[in-house]
Amino acid sequence: RYIKYSRSVIGNTPWERAGMDYQIFCLHAIWNYKEVNRTLGTDTTYVTIIRDPVELFESLWVYAGMDNYYNTNLETFALSPKTGLFANRAYKNLGRNQMLWDSGLSARYMDNVTAVKHKIEEIEDQFDLVLMAERFDESMILLKEKLCWDFQDVVNFKLNARKESKKTTLSPEARAALKDYLSSDYILYEHFKAKFEARVDQFGLPRMSQELSVLKHANENMKSKCGLKAADNDKIFGANKLWGQGMVAYTADEGADPECRLFSLSEMNFIGELRDIQAERASRIGQKMNIDLESVDEQIVIKSMNRLPFNSDGFPDI
């Protein structure tokens, strides 16, 4: 969350101890190309996504409860001088120029245009494809093309969306102030927005229109087959309940198809299932290699833990 990813943080997991190969690197991390490349290997395709910085900041503010950290509302924060508490990143890792921060740019360089442009060049060099949240379906078509996938591989439904009532309405003055506050992220955003538009043009607008129509049809078919229905997350319990308040969750006819349950499953429960599968694979490898993956080398754990930040309760904060 506020240290760059290092392979050492997974050093004592069953899958790492079993010497497993990895196919996907995802979830929250501060980008560290060298360490991710060391984890995945040199034949990896790298993909990331950008979002309008003001929209991203507003969403982050509500989702992470940043009003509780700053003890004010977003309108007031946007129009206030960024001194004292307002100068800090919320919870050490959330706030100004979040895309550059997550890309590994230190907070002390956020106003250094040269450093920002260098980071943008670095991202362009390291990533094969930069998608756009505002143009998600077009992004899925480009991703499908890049990875030689089929339409069924990019069928999607919006998870973790907020109810309209939970979105913050900002005055034009507050929005303009936030745009200035997030100016470095806008340099990154506008750069890759132009690259994205050029890529769409290169793909071909008639072809894109046709493929978007096919994807829309595939999404509707899956939604119909699974009986997917939007539901108030505050009233949902069990595996489909999302983290956070005021979210839109899904319910599904889980008996229709095994995939239907996965489409409506909350992200944390979905990750939990993936980890169970990964642990099972590691166990099978361990048995073949006669490795005891249940035993823990305390010295390895201590060395790994020493590399991690800790929260106020003394637990590792990653």
C-alpha atoms as a PDB file:
ATOM      1  CA  ARG A   1       0.000   0.000   0.000  1.00  0.00           C
ATOM      2  CA  TYR A   2       2.807   2.454   0.669  1.00  0.00           C
ATOM      3  CA  ILE A   3       5.901   0.402  -0.104  1.00  0.00           C
ATOM      4  CA  LYS A   4       6.807  -0.911  -3.530  1.00  0.00           C
ATOM      5  CA  TYR A   5       6.079  -4.539  -4.277  1.00  0.00           C
ATOM      6  CA  SER A   6       8.905  -6.955  -3.508  1.00  0.00           C
ATOM      7  CA  ARG A   7       8.901 -10.685  -4.140  1.00  0.00           C
ATOM      8  CA  SER A   8      10.137 -11.142  -0.569  1.00  0.00           C
ATOM      9  CA  VAL A   9       6.617 -10.386   0.765  1.00  0.00           C
ATOM     10  CA  ILE A  10       5.354 -13.697  -0.647  1.00  0.00           C
ATOM     11  CA  GLY A  11       8.504 -15.566   0.374  1.00  0.00           C
ATOM     12  CA  ASN A  12       6.847 -17.822   2.949  1.00  0.00           C
ATOM     13  CA  THR A  13       3.600 -18.590   1.113  1.00  0.00           C
ATOM     14  CA  PRO A  14       2.987 -22.248   0.191  1.00  0.00           C
ATOM     15  CA  TRP A  15       3.043 -21.425  -3.545  1.00  0.00           C
ATOM     16  CA  GLU A  16       6.360 -19.605  -3.365  1.00  0.00           C
ATOM     17  CA  ARG A  17       7.939 -22.339  -1.237  1.00  0.00           C
ATOM     18  CA  ALA A  18       6.693 -24.920  -3.745  1.00  0.00           C
ATOM     19  CA  GLY A  19       8.438 -23.009  -6.551  1.00  0.00           C
ATOM     20  CA  MET A  20       5.233 -22.446  -8.522  1.00  0.00           C
ATOM     21  CA  ASP A  21       5.138 -20.378 -11.693  1.00  0.00           C
ATOM     22  CA  TYR A  22       2.717 -17.446 -11.775  1.00  0.00           C
ATOM     23  CA  GLN A  23       0.412 -16.361 -14.592  1.00  0.00           C
ATOM     24  CA  ILE A  24      -1.234 -13.225 -13.187  1.00  0.00           C
ATOM     25  CA  PHE A  25      -0.086 -10.353 -10.948  1.00  0.00           C
ATOM     26  CA  CYS A  26      -2.981  -8.207  -9.723  1.00  0.00           C
ATOM     27  CA  LEU A  27      -4.513  -6.613  -6.615  1.00  0.00           C
ATOM     28  CA  HIS A  28      -3.203  -3.581  -4.746  1.00  0.00           C
ATOM     29  CA  ALA A  29       0.502  -2.873  -4.992  1.00  0.00           C
ATOM     30  CA  ILE A  30       2.855   0.000  -5.676  1.00  0.00           C
ATOM     31  CA  TRP A  31       4.435  -0.767  -9.025  1.00  0.00           C
ATOM     32  CA  ASN A  32       7.941  -2.204  -9.084  1.00  0.00           C
ATOM     33  CA  TYR A  33       8.701  -3.499 -12.574  1.00  0.00           C
ATOM     34  CA  LYS A  34      11.958  -5.217 -11.643  1.00  0.00           C
ATOM     35  CA  GLU A  35      10.362  -7.257  -8.834  1.00  0.00           C
ATOM     36  CA  VAL A  36       7.180  -8.063 -10.759  1.00  0.00           C
ATOM     37  CA  ASN A  37       9.268  -9.173 -13.731  1.00  0.00           C
ATOM     38  CA  ARG A  38      11.340 -11.341 -11.390  1.00  0.00           C
ATOM     39  CA  THR A  39       8.089 -12.892 -10.124  1.00  0.00           C
ATOM     40  CA  LEU A  40       6.362 -13.486 -13.473  1.00  0.00           C
ATOM     41  CA  GLY A  41       9.224 -13.909 -15.928  1.00  0.00           C
ATOM     42  CA  THR A  42      10.331 -12.078 -19.052  1.00  0.00           C
ATOM     43  CA  ASP A  43       7.551 -13.310 -21.375  1.00  0.00           C
ATOM     44  CA  THR A  44       4.839 -11.361 -19.519  1.00  0.00           C
ATOM     45  CA  THR A  45       2.293  -8.990 -21.052  1.00  0.00           C
ATOM     46  CA  TYR A  46       1.733  -5.911 -18.868  1.00  0.00           C
ATOM     47  CA  VAL A  47      -1.619  -4.116 -18.785  1.00  0.00           C
ATOM     48  CA  THR A  48      -2.843  -1.243 -16.619  1.00  0.00           C
ATOM     49  CA  ILE A  49      -5.772   1.178 -16.590  1.00  0.00           C
ATOM     50  CA  ILE A  50      -6.245   4.935 -16.121  1.00  0.00           C
ATOM     51  CA  ARG A  51      -9.217   7.002 -15.004  1.00  0.00           C
ATOM     52  CA  ASP A  52     -10.054  10.711 -15.010  1.00  0.00           C
ATOM     53  CA  PRO A  53      -8.172  11.965 -11.899  1.00  0.00           C
ATOM     54  CA  VAL A  54     -11.036  14.010 -10.402  1.00  0.00           C
ATOM     55  CA  GLU A  55     -13.480  11.127 -10.873  1.00  0.00           C
ATOM     56  CA  LEU A  56     -10.936   8.752  -9.369  1.00  0.00           C
ATOM     57  CA  PHE A  57     -10.326  11.032  -6.373  1.00  0.00           C
ATOM     58  CA  GLU A  58     -14.051  11.491  -5.703  1.00  0.00           C
ATOM     59  CA  SER A  59     -14.632   7.740  -5.882  1.00  0.00           C
ATOM     60  CA  LEU A  60     -11.662   7.041  -3.616  1.00  0.00           C
ATOM     61  CA  TRP A  61     -12.840   9.682  -1.135  1.00  0.00           C
ATOM     62  CA  VAL A  62     -16.203   7.977  -0.647  1.00  0.00           C
ATOM     63  CA  TYR A  63     -15.047   4.357  -0.929  1.00  0.00           C
ATOM     64  CA  ALA A  64     -12.183   4.698   1.559  1.00  0.00           C
ATOM     65  CA  GLY A  65     -14.025   7.027   3.956  1.00  0.00           C
ATOM     66  CA  MET A  66     -11.445   9.792   3.553  1.00  0.00           C
ATOM     67  CA  ASP A  67     -13.864  12.268   5.125  1.00  0.00           C
ATOM     68  CA  ASN A  68     -13.213  10.435   8.424  1.00  0.00           C
ATOM     69  CA  TYR A  69      -9.459  10.908   8.017  1.00  0.00           C
ATOM     70  CA  TYR A  70      -9.595  14.612   7.099  1.00  0.00           C
ATOM     71  CA  ASN A  71     -12.658  15.394   9.264  1.00  0.00           C
ATOM     72  CA  THR A  72     -14.329  17.323   6.477  1.00  0.00           C
ATOM     73  CA  ASN A  73     -16.312  16.864   3.280  1.00  0.00           C
ATOM     74  CA  LEU A  74     -14.820  16.726  -0.214  1.00  0.00           C
ATOM     75  CA  GLU A  75     -16.101  20.160  -1.253  1.00  0.00           C
ATOM     76  CA  THR A  76     -14.356  21.817   1.702  1.00  0.00           C
ATOM     77  CA  PHE A  77     -11.177  19.785   1.197  1.00  0.00           C
ATOM     78  CA  ALA A  78     -11.019  20.719  -2.490  1.00  0.00           C
ATOM     79  CA  LEU A  79     -11.294  24.457  -1.787  1.00  0.00           C
ATOM     80  CA  SER A  80      -8.956  24.533   1.237  1.00  0.00           C
ATOM     81  CA  PRO A  81      -5.176  25.147   1.300  1.00  0.00           C
ATOM     82  CA  LYS A  82      -3.307  21.833   1.451  1.00  0.00           C
ATOM     83  CA  THR A  83      -1.497  22.479   4.729  1.00  0.00           C
ATOM     84  CA  GLY A  84      -1.357  20.601   8.023  1.00  0.00           C
ATOM     85  CA  LEU A  85      -3.461  17.436   7.959  1.00  0.00           C
ATOM     86  CA  PHE A  86      -4.642  18.259   4.425  1.00  0.00           C
ATOM     87  CA  ALA A  87      -1.056  17.948   3.194  1.00  0.00           C
ATOM     88  CA  ASN A  88      -0.875  14.279   4.239  1.00  0.00           C
ATOM     89  CA  ARG A  89      -1.896  11.212   2.287  1.00  0.00           C
ATOM     90  CA  ALA A  90      -4.911   9.591   3.931  1.00  0.00           C
ATOM     91  CA  TYR A  91      -3.889   6.454   5.803  1.00  0.00           C
ATOM     92  CA  LYS A  92      -0.384   7.020   4.343  1.00  0.00           C
ATOM     93  CA  ASN A  93      -1.321   5.693   0.910  1.00  0.00           C
ATOM     94  CA  LEU A  94      -4.414   7.445  -0.495  1.00  0.00           C
ATOM     95  CA  GLY A  95      -4.775  10.890  -1.989  1.00  0.00           C
ATOM     96  CA  ARG A  96      -3.114  13.225  -4.427  1.00  0.00           C
ATOM     97  CA  ASN A  97      -2.092  11.934  -7.856  1.00  0.00           C
ATOM     98  CA  GLN A  98      -3.061   8.375  -6.964  1.00  0.00           C
ATOM     99  CA  MET A  99      -2.147   6.957 -10.368  1.00  0.00           C
ATOM    100  CA  LEU A 100       1.405   8.296 -10.224  1.00  0.00           C
ATOM    101  CA  TRP A 101       1.688   7.169  -6.599  1.00  0.00           C
ATOM    102  CA  ASP A 102       0.583   3.634  -7.473  1.00  0.00           C
ATOM    103  CA  SER A 103       3.011   3.718 -10.395  1.00  0.00           C
ATOM    104  CA  GLY A 104       5.849   4.213  -7.916  1.00  0.00           C
ATOM    105  CA  LEU A 105       6.474   7.976  -8.038  1.00  0.00           C
ATOM    106  CA  SER A 106       7.494   9.331  -4.644  1.00  0.00           C
ATOM    107  CA  ALA A 107       5.298  12.045  -3.102  1.00  0.00           C
ATOM    108  CA  ARG A 108       8.255  14.448  -3.063  1.00  0.00           C
ATOM    109  CA  TYR A 109       8.376  14.425  -6.882  1.00  0.00           C
ATOM    110  CA  MET A 110       4.683  15.060  -7.546  1.00  0.00           C
ATOM    111  CA  ASP A 111       5.323  18.714  -8.482  1.00  0.00           C
ATOM    112  CA  ASN A 112       8.475  17.934 -10.468  1.00  0.00           C
ATOM    113  CA  VAL A 113       7.327  17.960 -14.099  1.00  0.00           C
ATOM    114  CA  THR A 114      10.572  16.362 -15.270  1.00  0.00           C
ATOM    115  CA  ALA A 115      10.151  13.458 -12.826  1.00  0.00           C
ATOM    116  CA  VAL A 116       6.480  13.077 -13.820  1.00  0.00           C
ATOM    117  CA  LYS A 117       7.348  12.919 -17.522  1.00  0.00           C
ATOM    118  CA  HIS A 118      10.130  10.441 -16.815  1.00  0.00           C
ATOM    119  CA  LYS A 119       7.652   8.223 -14.956  1.00  0.00           C
ATOM    120  CA  ILE A 120       5.245   8.439 -17.900  1.00  0.00           C
ATOM    121  CA  GLU A 121       8.034   7.355 -20.270  1.00  0.00           C
ATOM    122  CA  GLU A 122       8.810   4.494 -17.897  1.00  0.00           C
ATOM    123  CA  ILE A 123       5.166   3.347 -17.876  1.00  0.00           C
ATOM    124  CA  GLU A 124       5.007   3.548 -21.657  1.00  0.00           C
ATOM    125  CA  ASP A 125       8.149   1.462 -21.932  1.00  0.00           C
ATOM    126  CA  GLN A 126       7.031  -1.188 -19.419  1.00  0.00           C
ATOM    127  CA  PHE A 127       3.341  -1.636 -20.252  1.00  0.00           C
ATOM    128  CA  ASP A 128       2.030  -3.249 -23.420  1.00  0.00           C
ATOM    129  CA  LEU A 129      -1.441  -1.771 -23.088  1.00  0.00           C
ATOM    130  CA  VAL A 130      -2.941   1.094 -21.066  1.00  0.00           C
ATOM    131  CA  LEU A 131      -6.733   0.900 -20.822  1.00  0.00           C
ATOM    132  CA  MET A 132      -9.293   3.583 -19.908  1.00  0.00           C
ATOM    133  CA  ALA A 133     -11.969   3.144 -17.230  1.00  0.00           C
ATOM    134  CA  GLU A 134     -14.278   5.623 -18.980  1.00  0.00           C
ATOM    135  CA  ARG A 135     -14.109   3.534 -22.152  1.00  0.00           C
ATOM    136  CA  PHE A 136     -14.176   0.136 -20.537  1.00  0.00           C
ATOM    137  CA  ASP A 137     -15.873  -1.854 -23.295  1.00  0.00           C
ATOM    138  CA  GLU A 138     -13.473  -0.497 -25.926  1.00  0.00           C
ATOM    139  CA  SER A 139     -10.680  -1.371 -23.487  1.00  0.00           C
ATOM    140  CA  MET A 140     -11.948  -4.960 -23.288  1.00  0.00           C
ATOM    141  CA  ILE A 141     -11.927  -5.222 -27.095  1.00  0.00           C
ATOM    142  CA  LEU A 142      -8.308  -4.011 -27.214  1.00  0.00           C
ATOM    143  CA  LEU A 143      -7.381  -6.403 -24.395  1.00  0.00           C
ATOM    144  CA  LYS A 144      -9.056  -9.292 -26.225  1.00  0.00           C
ATOM    145  CA  GLU A 145      -7.078  -8.415 -29.339  1.00  0.00           C
ATOM    146  CA  LYS A 146      -3.782  -8.115 -27.474  1.00  0.00           C
ATOM    147  CA  LEU A 147      -4.122 -11.450 -25.657  1.00  0.00           C
ATOM    148  CA  CYS A 148      -5.764 -13.339 -28.558  1.00  0.00           C
ATOM    149  CA  TRP A 149      -8.847 -13.982 -26.436  1.00  0.00           C
ATOM    150  CA  ASP A 150     -12.466 -14.624 -27.356  1.00  0.00           C
ATOM    151  CA  PHE A 151     -15.514 -12.479 -26.519  1.00  0.00           C
ATOM    152  CA  GLN A 152     -16.476 -14.904 -23.746  1.00  0.00           C
ATOM    153  CA  ASP A 153     -13.154 -14.087 -22.064  1.00  0.00           C
ATOM    154  CA  VAL A 154     -14.084 -10.402 -21.715  1.00  0.00           C
ATOM    155  CA  VAL A 155     -17.764 -10.687 -20.744  1.00  0.00           C
ATOM    156  CA  ASN A 156     -18.055  -8.255 -17.828  1.00  0.00           C
ATOM    157  CA  PHE A 157     -20.377  -6.666 -15.279  1.00  0.00           C
ATOM    158  CA  LYS A 158     -19.608  -3.616 -13.192  1.00  0.00           C
ATOM    159  CA  LEU A 159     -18.684  -4.669  -9.653  1.00  0.00           C
ATOM    160  CA  ASN A 160     -18.013  -2.281  -6.745  1.00  0.00           C
ATOM    161  CA  ALA A 161     -20.115   0.448  -8.350  1.00  0.00           C
ATOM    162  CA  ARG A 162     -21.714   2.899  -5.937  1.00  0.00           C
ATOM    163  CA  LYS A 163     -25.369   3.771  -5.666  1.00  0.00           C
ATOM    164  CA  GLU A 164     -26.107   7.143  -7.267  1.00  0.00           C
ATOM    165  CA  SER A 165     -27.103   8.514  -3.866  1.00  0.00           C
ATOM    166  CA  LYS A 166     -23.577   7.867  -2.570  1.00  0.00           C
ATOM    167  CA  LYS A 167     -21.823   9.918  -5.250  1.00  0.00           C
ATOM    168  CA  THR A 168     -20.588  13.395  -4.336  1.00  0.00           C
ATOM    169  CA  THR A 169     -21.833  16.417  -6.265  1.00  0.00           C
ATOM    170  CA  LEU A 170     -19.064  19.003  -6.538  1.00  0.00           C
ATOM    171  CA  SER A 171     -19.383  22.680  -7.402  1.00  0.00           C
ATOM    172  CA  PRO A 172     -17.563  23.852 -10.566  1.00  0.00           C
ATOM    173  CA  GLU A 173     -15.103  25.706  -8.299  1.00  0.00           C
ATOM    174  CA  ALA A 174     -14.309  22.584  -6.262  1.00  0.00           C
ATOM    175  CA  ARG A 175     -13.907  20.481  -9.400  1.00  0.00           C
ATOM    176  CA  ALA A 176     -11.525  23.069 -10.886  1.00  0.00           C
ATOM    177  CA  ALA A 177      -9.542  23.191  -7.622  1.00  0.00           C
ATOM    178  CA  LEU A 178      -9.219  19.397  -7.595  1.00  0.00           C
ATOM    179  CA  LYS A 179      -8.112  19.409 -11.221  1.00  0.00           C
ATOM    180  CA  ASP A 180      -5.318  21.811 -10.302  1.00  0.00           C
ATOM    181  CA  TYR A 181      -4.451  19.756  -7.194  1.00  0.00           C
ATOM    182  CA  LEU A 182      -4.221  16.633  -9.351  1.00  0.00           C
ATOM    183  CA  SER A 183      -2.414  18.323 -12.232  1.00  0.00           C
ATOM    184  CA  SER A 184       0.423  15.779 -12.415  1.00  0.00           C
ATOM    185  CA  ASP A 185      -2.010  12.886 -12.695  1.00  0.00           C
ATOM    186  CA  TYR A 186      -3.681  14.831 -15.508  1.00  0.00           C
ATOM    187  CA  ILE A 187      -0.380  14.953 -17.398  1.00  0.00           C
ATOM    188  CA  LEU A 188      -0.266  11.149 -17.184  1.00  0.00           C
ATOM    189  CA  TYR A 189      -3.970  10.807 -18.001  1.00  0.00           C
ATOM    190  CA  GLU A 190      -3.953  13.043 -21.063  1.00  0.00           C
ATOM    191  CA  HIS A 191      -0.812  11.337 -22.402  1.00  0.00           C
ATOM    192  CA  PHE A 192      -2.273   7.844 -22.263  1.00  0.00           C
ATOM    193  CA  LYS A 193      -5.749   9.013 -23.297  1.00  0.00           C
ATOM    194  CA  ALA A 194      -4.203  10.234 -26.560  1.00  0.00           C
ATOM    195  CA  LYS A 195      -2.360   6.916 -26.942  1.00  0.00           C
ATOM    196  CA  PHE A 196      -5.599   5.022 -26.315  1.00  0.00           C
ATOM    197  CA  GLU A 197      -7.511   7.035 -28.918  1.00  0.00           C
ATOM    198  CA  ALA A 198      -4.739   6.444 -31.446  1.00  0.00           C
ATOM    199  CA  ARG A 199      -4.915   2.728 -30.722  1.00  0.00           C
ATOM    200  CA  VAL A 200      -8.688   2.697 -31.248  1.00  0.00           C
ATOM    201  CA  ASP A 201      -8.228   4.540 -34.559  1.00  0.00           C
ATOM    202  CA  GLN A 202      -5.592   2.024 -35.596  1.00  0.00           C
ATOM    203  CA  PHE A 203      -7.938  -0.837 -34.661  1.00  0.00           C
ATOM    204  CA  GLY A 204     -10.504   0.704 -36.993  1.00  0.00           C
ATOM    205  CA  LEU A 205     -13.701   2.477 -35.986  1.00  0.00           C
ATOM    206  CA  PRO A 206     -16.093   0.300 -38.081  1.00  0.00           C
ATOM    207  CA  ARG A 207     -14.455  -2.844 -36.700  1.00  0.00           C
ATOM    208  CA  MET A 208     -14.579  -1.466 -33.142  1.00  0.00           C
ATOM    209  CA  SER A 209     -18.276  -0.636 -33.532  1.00  0.00           C
ATOM    210  CA  GLN A 210     -19.005  -4.158 -34.749  1.00  0.00           C
ATOM    211  CA  GLU A 211     -17.038  -5.820 -31.935  1.00  0.00           C
ATOM    212  CA  LEU A 212     -18.653  -3.603 -29.305  1.00  0.00           C
ATOM    213  CA  SER A 213     -22.021  -4.795 -30.565  1.00  0.00           C
ATOM    214  CA  VAL A 214     -20.933  -8.440 -30.243  1.00  0.00           C
ATOM    215  CA  LEU A 215     -19.592  -7.819 -26.707  1.00  0.00           C
ATOM    216  CA  LYS A 216     -22.828  -6.094 -25.680  1.00  0.00           C
ATOM    217  CA  HIS A 217     -24.759  -9.115 -26.941  1.00  0.00           C
ATOM    218  CA  ALA A 218     -22.423 -11.515 -25.063  1.00  0.00           C
ATOM    219  CA  ASN A 219     -22.858  -9.487 -21.843  1.00  0.00           C
ATOM    220  CA  GLU A 220     -26.654  -9.511 -22.205  1.00  0.00           C
ATOM    221  CA  ASN A 221     -26.692 -13.250 -22.885  1.00  0.00           C
ATOM    222  CA  MET A 222     -24.652 -13.996 -19.783  1.00  0.00           C
ATOM    223  CA  LYS A 223     -26.776 -11.667 -17.664  1.00  0.00           C
ATOM    224  CA  SER A 224     -29.938 -13.393 -18.888  1.00  0.00           C
ATOM    225  CA  LYS A 225     -28.553 -16.920 -18.492  1.00  0.00           C
ATOM    226  CA  CYS A 226     -27.346 -16.218 -14.944  1.00  0.00           C
ATOM    227  CA  GLY A 227     -30.387 -14.230 -13.883  1.00  0.00           C
ATOM    228  CA  LEU A 228     -28.016 -11.498 -12.693  1.00  0.00           C
ATOM    229  CA  LYS A 229     -29.768  -8.745 -10.774  1.00  0.00           C
ATOM    230  CA  ALA A 230     -28.403  -5.622  -9.133  1.00  0.00           C
ATOM    231  CA  ALA A 231     -28.974  -5.524  -5.360  1.00  0.00           C
ATOM    232  CA  ASP A 232     -28.382  -3.123  -2.483  1.00  0.00           C
ATOM    233  CA  ASN A 233     -25.088  -4.280  -0.970  1.00  0.00           C
ATOM    234  CA  ASP A 234     -26.147  -2.977   2.456  1.00  0.00           C
ATOM    235  CA  LYS A 235     -28.877  -5.646   2.448  1.00  0.00           C
ATOM    236  CA  ILE A 236     -26.724  -8.482   1.085  1.00  0.00           C
ATOM    237  CA  PHE A 237     -25.126 -11.122   3.294  1.00  0.00           C
ATOM    238  CA  GLY A 238     -22.734 -13.952   2.552  1.00  0.00           C
ATOM    239  CA  ALA A 239     -20.334 -14.463  -0.338  1.00  0.00           C
ATOM    240  CA  ASN A 240     -21.840 -11.753  -2.566  1.00  0.00           C
ATOM    241  CA  LYS A 241     -21.470  -8.906  -0.048  1.00  0.00           C
ATOM    242  CA  LEU A 242     -18.913  -6.321  -1.158  1.00  0.00           C
ATOM    243  CA  TRP A 243     -16.508  -4.398   1.053  1.00  0.00           C
ATOM    244  CA  GLY A 244     -17.755  -0.884   1.744  1.00  0.00           C
ATOM    245  CA  GLN A 245     -21.116   0.808   2.196  1.00  0.00           C
ATOM    246  CA  GLY A 246     -23.527   2.143  -0.394  1.00  0.00           C
ATOM    247  CA  MET A 247     -22.401  -0.283  -3.097  1.00  0.00           C
ATOM    248  CA  VAL A 248     -24.356  -2.102  -5.787  1.00  0.00           C
ATOM    249  CA  ALA A 249     -23.938  -5.878  -5.518  1.00  0.00           C
ATOM    250  CA  TYR A 250     -25.310  -8.732  -7.638  1.00  0.00           C
ATOM    251  CA  THR A 251     -27.409 -11.822  -7.060  1.00  0.00           C
ATOM    252  CA  ALA A 252     -27.471 -14.704  -9.540  1.00  0.00           C
ATOM    253  CA  ASP A 253     -29.094 -18.019 -10.308  1.00  0.00           C
ATOM    254  CA  GLU A 254     -26.116 -20.093  -9.227  1.00  0.00           C
ATOM    255  CA  GLY A 255     -27.638 -23.303 -10.566  1.00  0.00           C
ATOM    256  CA  ALA A 256     -27.758 -22.035 -14.160  1.00  0.00           C
ATOM    257  CA  ASP A 257     -24.024 -22.324 -14.844  1.00  0.00           C
ATOM    258  CA  PRO A 258     -20.885 -22.628 -12.639  1.00  0.00           C
ATOM    259  CA  GLU A 259     -19.696 -19.266 -14.010  1.00  0.00           C
ATOM    260  CA  CYS A 260     -22.822 -17.489 -12.764  1.00  0.00           C
ATOM    261  CA  ARG A 261     -21.769 -17.774  -9.121  1.00  0.00           C
ATOM    262  CA  LEU A 262     -18.376 -16.273  -9.952  1.00  0.00           C
ATOM    263  CA  PHE A 263     -19.908 -13.241 -11.688  1.00  0.00           C
ATOM    264  CA  SER A 264     -21.851 -12.291  -8.561  1.00  0.00           C
ATOM    265  CA  LEU A 265     -19.184 -13.234  -6.004  1.00  0.00           C
ATOM    266  CA  SER A 266     -17.574 -10.386  -4.055  1.00  0.00           C
ATOM    267  CA  GLU A 267     -13.946  -9.674  -4.937  1.00  0.00           C
ATOM    268  CA  MET A 268     -12.604 -10.730  -1.523  1.00  0.00           C
ATOM    269  CA  ASN A 269     -14.408 -14.073  -1.655  1.00  0.00           C
ATOM    270  CA  PHE A 270     -13.314 -14.566  -5.254  1.00  0.00           C
ATOM    271  CA  ILE A 271      -9.690 -13.938  -4.239  1.00  0.00           C
ATOM    272  CA  GLY A 272     -10.128 -16.349  -1.330  1.00  0.00           C
ATOM    273  CA  GLU A 273     -11.230 -19.078  -3.740  1.00  0.00           C
ATOM    274  CA  LEU A 274      -8.258 -18.396  -6.015  1.00  0.00           C
ATOM    275  CA  ARG A 275      -5.907 -18.674  -3.048  1.00  0.00           C
ATOM    276  CA  ASP A 276      -7.498 -21.977  -2.024  1.00  0.00           C
ATOM    277  CA  ILE A 277      -6.915 -23.337  -5.533  1.00  0.00           C
ATOM    278  CA  GLN A 278      -3.345 -22.030  -5.501  1.00  0.00           C
ATOM    279  CA  ALA A 279      -2.675 -23.614  -2.088  1.00  0.00           C
ATOM    280  CA  GLU A 280      -4.071 -26.911  -3.368  1.00  0.00           C
ATOM    281  CA  ARG A 281      -1.720 -26.836  -6.359  1.00  0.00           C
ATOM    282  CA  ALA A 282       1.207 -25.979  -4.110  1.00  0.00           C
ATOM    283  CA  SER A 283       0.319 -28.895  -1.835  1.00  0.00           C
ATOM    284  CA  ARG A 284       0.375 -31.327  -4.752  1.00  0.00           C
ATOM    285  CA  ILE A 285       3.781 -30.033  -5.837  1.00  0.00           C
ATOM    286  CA  GLY A 286       5.034 -30.246  -2.246  1.00  0.00           C
ATOM    287  CA  GLN A 287       3.967 -33.889  -1.981  1.00  0.00           C
ATOM    288  CA  LYS A 288       5.758 -34.799  -5.213  1.00  0.00           C
ATOM    289  CA  MET A 289       8.933 -33.017  -4.081  1.00  0.00           C
ATOM    290  CA  ASN A 290       8.619 -34.267  -0.499  1.00  0.00           C
ATOM    291  CA  ILE A 291       8.470 -30.683   0.822  1.00  0.00           C
ATOM    292  CA  ASP A 292       6.608 -30.004   4.070  1.00  0.00           C
ATOM    293  CA  LEU A 293       4.672 -26.840   3.260  1.00  0.00           C
ATOM    294  CA  GLU A 294       2.889 -26.907   6.624  1.00  0.00           C
ATOM    295  CA  SER A 295       6.039 -26.237   8.632  1.00  0.00           C
ATOM    296  CA  VAL A 296       7.198 -22.654   8.894  1.00  0.00           C
ATOM    297  CA  ASP A 297      10.787 -21.432   9.080  1.00  0.00           C
ATOM    298  CA  GLU A 298      10.456 -18.675  11.694  1.00  0.00           C
ATOM    299  CA  GLN A 299      13.661 -16.966  10.559  1.00  0.00           C
ATOM    300  CA  ILE A 300      12.314 -16.623   7.011  1.00  0.00           C
ATOM    301  CA  VAL A 301       9.075 -15.198   8.386  1.00  0.00           C
ATOM    302  CA  ILE A 302      10.927 -12.714  10.601  1.00  0.00           C
ATOM    303  CA  LYS A 303      13.126 -11.539   7.726  1.00  0.00           C
ATOM    304  CA  SER A 304      10.076 -11.078   5.484  1.00  0.00           C
ATOM    305  CA  MET A 305       8.103  -9.293   8.215  1.00  0.00           C
ATOM    306  CA  ASN A 306      10.971  -6.906   8.890  1.00  0.00           C
ATOM    307  CA  ARG A 307      10.632  -5.639   5.336  1.00  0.00           C
ATOM    308  CA  LEU A 308       6.974  -4.708   5.863  1.00  0.00           C
ATOM    309  CA  PRO A 309       5.348  -1.608   7.387  1.00  0.00           C
ATOM    310  CA  PHE A 310       3.146  -2.166  10.441  1.00  0.00           C
ATOM    311  CA  ASN A 311      -0.043  -0.468  11.546  1.00  0.00           C
ATOM    312  CA  SER A 312      -0.783   0.921  14.996  1.00  0.00           C
ATOM    313  CA  ASP A 313      -2.060  -2.456  16.203  1.00  0.00           C
ATOM    314  CA  GLY A 314       1.236  -4.131  15.430  1.00  0.00           C
ATOM    315  CA  PHE A 315      -0.029  -6.096  12.439  1.00  0.00           C
ATOM    316  CA  PRO A 316       1.691  -6.066   9.023  1.00  0.00           C
ATOM    317  CA  ASP A 317       0.056  -3.418   6.869  1.00  0.00           C
ATOM    318  CA  ILE A 318       0.135  -4.635   3.269  1.00  0.00           C
END
